Amino acid sequence: MNGTRIIIVTLGFIFLPVHFLCGQEPATADVPQSLYDKGFEDIRTIVSSDTLYASIEDPTYRGTFRGAAEAIKSVAEKHPEIQHFEMILTDYKMPQLIVHASKREGIWDVRVDRHMRHALRKLQDIKPDAASTGKIDITFFPMFSFVNNKLDHLFDYSLRLAPAIATTLWRGSRLTLQPIFPILNNLDKDDTKRYIQIGNATLSQQIISTNFWQASASVGFFNPERFGAQAKVGFHASSALDFYLYGGYTLEANYTNQNGFGFVNNSAKANFMAKADFYERYSKLQIELQAGRFLFGDYGARFDLTRHFSEYAIGVYGILTEGEHNVGFHFAIPLGGKRQKRTAFIRPRLPEYYNFEYSMESDPQGNYWGKKMGRSYTTQPDENRSAHYWQPEYIKEYVARILNGTFQ
């Protein structure tokens, strides 16, 4: 009997240190599967003591905050031994920011910032599960335009459908092809919106995404009707204030009834802008001021004031350029479902948000409208103030509210 006890005690002393040296509880081995079941991709996880370090790409949940909250909720419910979360959120496989979350006395405490270095070091040797590389989304964008500055009739209208075929080929890249098909309109025969056009056909690349710096570049066809290249550099001055410099060189390319498809002579233009973007967390106002050279060569400035209502973004703007002025409003409202999981290699879907901007163009002499002043272009079909909005204070508020049950 004494010999049996000696053997049991000896075996205990042999295997007990192995358990502690592993640094990971056996129950946490299925954390990647829990995240995969929720629809996340490019999943990397490691558990150290009671802390989960994770990196996820979210192609499923609408917006930039809902996926992080759902990931933390799912893992916390299945693995109560995990008390702290360090969750890196990626966009096209590039890290954007990190969510720090801990539960104390039944209340979740959440912080969001871009200080990801420690967590990235923890995860650097972890091979990602459920790679997003090469998977294709076909997103059906509706496009509606309304122009009421005509003198011979009340207004022009145009309804078009623009399916965007997009994929990520490697880290930070986005390849997009978007034809635009006319559905209904009352436009003149020389208006290019009457015909099938190329919307965005681009290769975009995020080059840098760190605590303080961000850089990206795009080349191809931009919307509306521009072909060329653009580069953008950003500096994250704080969790609420960002500065950007961006510029491009483009020329006009379209289809007309007379000439078919082609490039317009003498249409090559260089544009550049400096921009400050500030988010005021108490009023939830996004304040943007940019100045420089607009698309068609005019110099001026634009001021935007946008109010974020959870997933809604509604704002007004004003433009002053070379003595002319314009005002208008814009909004981005949820369109697709809160959750659109990718269950196959190719996924048809609705866009997360519908984006619209109305321009008054109220100049009585027609200079602003006739000279194409204050114009810009988009390099991606889903550019708006809600999709890909990686603002730490904004994301922090809604992750905390979802985790604490005050937002659905």
Foldseek 3Di string as FASTA:
>chain_A
DVVVVVVVVVVCVVCVVVCVVVQDDPQCPCLVVLLVVQFWFQWFWDHGQQEIQIETEDPWFFFDFPSVLVSVVSCCVSPVSRFWYWYFYDDLQHTAKTWIWGADPNAIDIFIAQQCVVSCVVRVPTGTGHHQALFKEWAKAWDKDWAQPDDPDGIKIWIKIWIKIWGRHDRFKIFIWIKIGTDDIDDDQFDQSPHIWTAAGKIKGWDDHHRFKTKIKMAAAWPPFKGWIKIKIKTPPDLFKIKMKMKIWIFGWTAHPVPGTDTDPPRIDIWIKIKMWGADLVQRKIWMKMWTAARRGWGWIKIKIWHDDLQKIKIKMKIDTPNDIWIWIKIKAADWDSTDHDPDSYHYTYDRIHIDIDIPCPPPVCPCVVSVPPDHTDNDPPDDCTHPPSRRSSSRVVSSCVNSVNHD
